Amino acid sequence: MKQITLSVPDREYTFFIKVIKAFSFVKIEKTKTVKECVPTPEQLEWVEGLKSALEEVEEHQQGKKQLQSARDFLRELKEEQI
């Protein structure tokens, strides 16, 4: 048995299914609709920031980088607000 995957426009789908079901030798398997996901520039920026942060954590775990403590970070934020 051979398998064929077809893409049919939404407006033609119902008609196409009616036609194809007329053939007794055709087996139709239900599948989920796949929507293409195109990330926004903001999402891409967020992902890049996350990658960068994870790389810093990895470098810290390897002893290649010293990270700032939470206390120092909060102190720095407080100083910047003044």
Protein backbone atom coordinates (compact mmCIF):
# COMPACT_ATOMS: atom_id res chain seq x y z
CA MET A 1 0.00 0.00 0.00
CA LYS A 2 1.23 3.50 -0.83
CA GLN A 3 0.62 6.59 1.28
CA ILE A 4 -0.01 10.11 0.00
CA THR A 5 -0.11 13.29 2.04
CA LEU A 6 -2.12 16.12 0.53
CA SER A 7 -2.66 19.74 1.48
CA VAL A 8 -6.10 21.05 0.60
CA PRO A 9 -7.32 24.63 1.07
CA ASP A 10 -9.83 24.96 3.92
CA ARG A 11 -12.60 26.14 1.62
CA GLU A 12 -12.20 23.02 -0.59
CA TYR A 13 -11.68 20.46 2.17
CA THR A 14 -15.29 19.28 2.59
CA PHE A 15 -15.77 18.82 -1.14
CA PHE A 16 -12.45 17.00 -1.50
CA ILE A 17 -13.27 14.56 1.31
CA LYS A 18 -16.66 13.76 -0.23
CA VAL A 19 -15.01 13.01 -3.57
CA ILE A 20 -12.17 10.91 -2.18
CA LYS A 21 -14.52 8.87 0.05
CA ALA A 22 -16.29 7.72 -3.11
CA PHE A 23 -13.33 5.47 -3.84
CA SER A 24 -13.65 2.24 -1.85
CA PHE A 25 -9.92 1.55 -1.97
CA VAL A 26 -8.98 4.83 -0.22
CA LYS A 27 -8.41 4.79 3.53
CA ILE A 28 -8.54 8.20 5.24
CA GLU A 29 -6.64 8.68 8.49
CA LYS A 30 -7.48 11.64 10.67
CA THR A 31 -4.54 13.92 11.39
CA LYS A 32 -4.10 17.06 13.39
CA THR A 33 -3.83 20.35 11.57
CA VAL A 34 -0.30 21.67 11.68
CA LYS A 35 0.06 25.42 11.92
CA GLU A 36 3.36 27.00 11.09
CA CYS A 37 4.80 28.87 14.04
CA VAL A 38 6.77 31.96 13.12
CA PRO A 39 8.33 33.59 16.17
CA THR A 40 8.02 37.34 16.64
CA PRO A 41 11.13 39.52 17.00
CA GLU A 42 10.34 39.85 20.72
CA GLN A 43 10.20 36.07 21.10
CA LEU A 44 13.50 35.67 19.26
CA GLU A 45 15.09 38.29 21.52
CA TRP A 46 13.77 36.49 24.60
CA VAL A 47 15.16 33.15 23.40
CA GLU A 48 18.56 34.71 22.70
CA GLY A 49 18.58 36.24 26.19
CA LEU A 50 17.73 32.89 27.73
CA LYS A 51 20.49 31.16 25.74
CA SER A 52 22.97 33.77 26.94
CA ALA A 53 21.88 33.34 30.56
CA LEU A 54 22.18 29.55 30.33
CA GLU A 55 25.65 29.85 28.85
CA GLU A 56 26.67 32.06 31.80
CA VAL A 57 25.31 29.50 34.26
CA GLU A 58 27.21 26.73 32.48
CA GLU A 59 30.44 28.78 32.60
CA HIS A 60 29.85 29.38 36.32
CA GLN A 61 29.36 25.65 36.95
CA GLN A 62 32.61 24.95 35.11
CA GLY A 63 34.39 27.52 37.28
CA LYS A 64 35.12 29.80 34.32
CA LYS A 65 32.94 32.67 35.52
CA GLN A 66 32.02 34.22 38.84
CA LEU A 67 28.39 35.30 39.06
CA GLN A 68 27.11 38.24 41.08
CA SER A 69 25.32 37.33 44.30
CA ALA A 70 21.63 38.12 44.70
CA ARG A 71 22.46 40.46 47.57
CA ASP A 72 24.91 42.44 45.40
CA PHE A 73 22.39 42.55 42.57
CA LEU A 74 19.65 43.93 44.83
CA ARG A 75 22.07 46.47 46.30
CA GLU A 76 22.98 47.59 42.78
CA LEU A 77 19.30 47.99 41.84
CA LYS A 78 18.66 50.02 44.98
CA GLU A 79 21.62 52.32 44.23
CA GLU A 80 20.42 52.92 40.66
CA GLN A 81 16.98 54.08 41.88
CA ILE A 82 18.47 56.90 43.93
